[in-house]
Amino acid sequence: MKIKLSKAIKHKGQEIFTLDMPLEELTGNDLIDVEKQLMQTGEVPFVTDFNKTYLINIAAKAAHIPVEILKFTSAKDFTKITNEVRNFLTLSDSDENEEEEIPEKPLETFSGE
């Protein structure tokens, strides 16, 4: 997954305009490692899938960039990055590909009488 940034970030002497985050390459062990790292810092998210600190750490792990660099992206880019990670983790393939089922006959409405 690639995310075009509104403002370049610097890493290893280079400006990065597009963040490459191959999230599909992460493993369950990678997610556990991030949780352990956060616990060591005293930041224990109650619900990880919606915790910005957890999500940006996952993004950093996937992108092989220190999290400190991603924490200082613009608010717009930070939100774009964390939303993409959250969507990747929480949406299943069936959610993305599922077509809305239309009932064969109209539902009866309650008239209140």
C-alpha atoms as a PDB file:
ATOM      1  CA  MET A   1       0.000   0.000   0.000  1.00  0.00           C
ATOM      2  CA  LYS A   2       1.345   3.407  -0.949  1.00  0.00           C
ATOM      3  CA  ILE A   3       0.205   6.704   0.507  1.00  0.00           C
ATOM      4  CA  LYS A   4       0.962  10.010  -1.188  1.00  0.00           C
ATOM      5  CA  LEU A   5       1.984  12.519   1.462  1.00  0.00           C
ATOM      6  CA  SER A   6       0.936  16.153   1.314  1.00  0.00           C
ATOM      7  CA  LYS A   7       4.310  17.132   2.798  1.00  0.00           C
ATOM      8  CA  ALA A   8       7.546  15.176   2.323  1.00  0.00           C
ATOM      9  CA  ILE A   9       9.267  13.525   5.278  1.00  0.00           C
ATOM     10  CA  LYS A  10      13.016  13.043   5.609  1.00  0.00           C
ATOM     11  CA  HIS A  11      14.553   9.659   6.312  1.00  0.00           C
ATOM     12  CA  LYS A  12      18.188   8.672   5.895  1.00  0.00           C
ATOM     13  CA  GLY A  13      18.955  11.901   4.060  1.00  0.00           C
ATOM     14  CA  GLN A  14      16.176  11.431   1.525  1.00  0.00           C
ATOM     15  CA  GLU A  15      12.852  13.171   1.109  1.00  0.00           C
ATOM     16  CA  ILE A  16       9.942  10.757   0.932  1.00  0.00           C
ATOM     17  CA  PHE A  17       6.837  11.923  -0.899  1.00  0.00           C
ATOM     18  CA  THR A  18       5.112   8.537  -1.045  1.00  0.00           C
ATOM     19  CA  LEU A  19       5.053   6.254   1.965  1.00  0.00           C
ATOM     20  CA  ASP A  20       5.290   2.595   1.013  1.00  0.00           C
ATOM     21  CA  MET A  21       3.567   0.458   3.671  1.00  0.00           C
ATOM     22  CA  PRO A  22       3.268  -3.186   2.578  1.00  0.00           C
ATOM     23  CA  LEU A  23       0.803  -3.998   5.370  1.00  0.00           C
ATOM     24  CA  GLU A  24      -0.056  -7.341   3.791  1.00  0.00           C
ATOM     25  CA  GLU A  25       3.474  -8.514   4.617  1.00  0.00           C
ATOM     26  CA  LEU A  26       3.010  -8.010   8.373  1.00  0.00           C
ATOM     27  CA  THR A  27       2.466 -11.038  10.585  1.00  0.00           C
ATOM     28  CA  GLY A  28       0.577 -11.547  13.814  1.00  0.00           C
ATOM     29  CA  ASN A  29       3.937 -11.566  15.550  1.00  0.00           C
ATOM     30  CA  ASP A  30       4.603  -8.040  14.224  1.00  0.00           C
ATOM     31  CA  LEU A  31       1.366  -6.835  15.805  1.00  0.00           C
ATOM     32  CA  ILE A  32       2.262  -8.503  19.103  1.00  0.00           C
ATOM     33  CA  ASP A  33       5.719  -6.892  19.002  1.00  0.00           C
ATOM     34  CA  VAL A  34       4.154  -3.448  18.644  1.00  0.00           C
ATOM     35  CA  GLU A  35       1.821  -4.127  21.580  1.00  0.00           C
ATOM     36  CA  LYS A  36       4.782  -5.255  23.709  1.00  0.00           C
ATOM     37  CA  GLN A  37       6.749  -2.124  22.788  1.00  0.00           C
ATOM     38  CA  LEU A  38       3.821   0.079  23.804  1.00  0.00           C
ATOM     39  CA  MET A  39       3.413  -1.772  27.097  1.00  0.00           C
ATOM     40  CA  GLN A  40       7.085  -1.165  27.867  1.00  0.00           C
ATOM     41  CA  THR A  41       6.546   2.572  27.424  1.00  0.00           C
ATOM     42  CA  GLY A  42       3.472   2.493  29.653  1.00  0.00           C
ATOM     43  CA  GLU A  43       1.123   3.179  26.756  1.00  0.00           C
ATOM     44  CA  VAL A  44      -1.360   0.335  26.884  1.00  0.00           C
ATOM     45  CA  PRO A  45      -4.202   0.972  24.439  1.00  0.00           C
ATOM     46  CA  PHE A  46      -7.557  -0.409  25.550  1.00  0.00           C
ATOM     47  CA  VAL A  47      -8.749  -0.940  21.980  1.00  0.00           C
ATOM     48  CA  THR A  48      -5.724  -1.168  19.705  1.00  0.00           C
ATOM     49  CA  ASP A  49      -7.543  -0.959  16.369  1.00  0.00           C
ATOM     50  CA  PHE A  50      -8.637   2.622  17.088  1.00  0.00           C
ATOM     51  CA  ASN A  51      -5.595   3.837  19.016  1.00  0.00           C
ATOM     52  CA  LYS A  52      -3.526   6.310  16.986  1.00  0.00           C
ATOM     53  CA  THR A  53      -0.297   5.417  18.822  1.00  0.00           C
ATOM     54  CA  TYR A  54      -0.751   1.725  18.043  1.00  0.00           C
ATOM     55  CA  LEU A  55      -1.722   2.398  14.425  1.00  0.00           C
ATOM     56  CA  ILE A  56       1.224   4.715  13.703  1.00  0.00           C
ATOM     57  CA  ASN A  57       3.579   2.145  15.228  1.00  0.00           C
ATOM     58  CA  ILE A  58       2.150  -0.521  12.915  1.00  0.00           C
ATOM     59  CA  ALA A  59       2.632   1.847   9.959  1.00  0.00           C
ATOM     60  CA  ALA A  60       6.244   2.474  10.971  1.00  0.00           C
ATOM     61  CA  LYS A  61       6.912  -1.252  11.266  1.00  0.00           C
ATOM     62  CA  ALA A  62       5.424  -1.911   7.830  1.00  0.00           C
ATOM     63  CA  ALA A  63       7.278   1.010   6.221  1.00  0.00           C
ATOM     64  CA  HIS A  64      10.578   0.240   8.004  1.00  0.00           C
ATOM     65  CA  ILE A  65      10.763   3.842   9.197  1.00  0.00           C
ATOM     66  CA  PRO A  66      11.304   4.950  12.809  1.00  0.00           C
ATOM     67  CA  VAL A  67       7.961   5.820  14.380  1.00  0.00           C
ATOM     68  CA  GLU A  68       9.379   9.151  15.552  1.00  0.00           C
ATOM     69  CA  ILE A  69       9.533  10.300  11.928  1.00  0.00           C
ATOM     70  CA  LEU A  70       5.910   9.341  11.238  1.00  0.00           C
ATOM     71  CA  LYS A  71       4.713  10.995  14.452  1.00  0.00           C
ATOM     72  CA  PHE A  72       5.841  14.330  13.056  1.00  0.00           C
ATOM     73  CA  THR A  73       4.052  14.110   9.724  1.00  0.00           C
ATOM     74  CA  SER A  74       1.380  16.720   9.138  1.00  0.00           C
ATOM     75  CA  ALA A  75      -1.911  16.092  10.939  1.00  0.00           C
ATOM     76  CA  LYS A  76      -3.561  15.387   7.580  1.00  0.00           C
ATOM     77  CA  ASP A  77      -0.924  12.811   6.576  1.00  0.00           C
ATOM     78  CA  PHE A  78      -0.859  11.280  10.067  1.00  0.00           C
ATOM     79  CA  THR A  79      -4.621  10.777   9.937  1.00  0.00           C
ATOM     80  CA  LYS A  80      -4.460   9.374   6.394  1.00  0.00           C
ATOM     81  CA  ILE A  81      -1.761   6.883   7.456  1.00  0.00           C
ATOM     82  CA  THR A  82      -3.511   5.729  10.630  1.00  0.00           C
ATOM     83  CA  ASN A  83      -6.879   5.437   8.871  1.00  0.00           C
ATOM     84  CA  GLU A  84      -5.344   3.232   6.172  1.00  0.00           C
ATOM     85  CA  VAL A  85      -3.776   0.959   8.796  1.00  0.00           C
ATOM     86  CA  ARG A  86      -7.036   0.793  10.782  1.00  0.00           C
ATOM     87  CA  ASN A  87      -9.022  -0.046   7.650  1.00  0.00           C
ATOM     88  CA  PHE A  88      -6.510  -2.726   6.683  1.00  0.00           C
ATOM     89  CA  LEU A  89      -6.727  -4.328  10.130  1.00  0.00           C
ATOM     90  CA  THR A  90     -10.470  -4.068  10.665  1.00  0.00           C
ATOM     91  CA  LEU A  91     -12.047  -4.561   7.233  1.00  0.00           C
ATOM     92  CA  SER A  92     -12.172  -8.127   6.026  1.00  0.00           C
ATOM     93  CA  ASP A  93     -11.996  -9.043   2.366  1.00  0.00           C
ATOM     94  CA  SER A  94     -15.673  -9.963   2.496  1.00  0.00           C
ATOM     95  CA  ASP A  95     -16.538  -6.484   3.850  1.00  0.00           C
ATOM     96  CA  GLU A  96     -14.778  -4.846   0.909  1.00  0.00           C
ATOM     97  CA  ASN A  97     -16.226  -7.140  -1.757  1.00  0.00           C
ATOM     98  CA  GLU A  98     -19.653  -7.859  -0.358  1.00  0.00           C
ATOM     99  CA  GLU A  99     -22.523  -6.531  -2.411  1.00  0.00           C
ATOM    100  CA  GLU A 100     -25.567  -5.232  -0.619  1.00  0.00           C
ATOM    101  CA  GLU A 101     -28.310  -7.819  -0.709  1.00  0.00           C
ATOM    102  CA  ILE A 102     -31.641  -6.496  -1.952  1.00  0.00           C
ATOM    103  CA  PRO A 103     -34.743  -8.257  -0.652  1.00  0.00           C
ATOM    104  CA  GLU A 104     -36.870  -9.951  -3.306  1.00  0.00           C
ATOM    105  CA  LYS A 105     -40.082  -8.323  -2.121  1.00  0.00           C
ATOM    106  CA  PRO A 106     -40.501  -4.990  -0.340  1.00  0.00           C
ATOM    107  CA  LEU A 107     -40.627  -5.091   3.434  1.00  0.00           C
ATOM    108  CA  GLU A 108     -43.921  -4.274   5.027  1.00  0.00           C
ATOM    109  CA  THR A 109     -43.945  -1.000   6.920  1.00  0.00           C
ATOM    110  CA  PHE A 110     -45.433  -0.587  10.342  1.00  0.00           C
ATOM    111  CA  SER A 111     -48.323   1.855  10.215  1.00  0.00           C
ATOM    112  CA  GLY A 112     -48.555   2.317  13.981  1.00  0.00           C
ATOM    113  CA  GLU A 113     -52.286   1.577  14.039  1.00  0.00           C
END
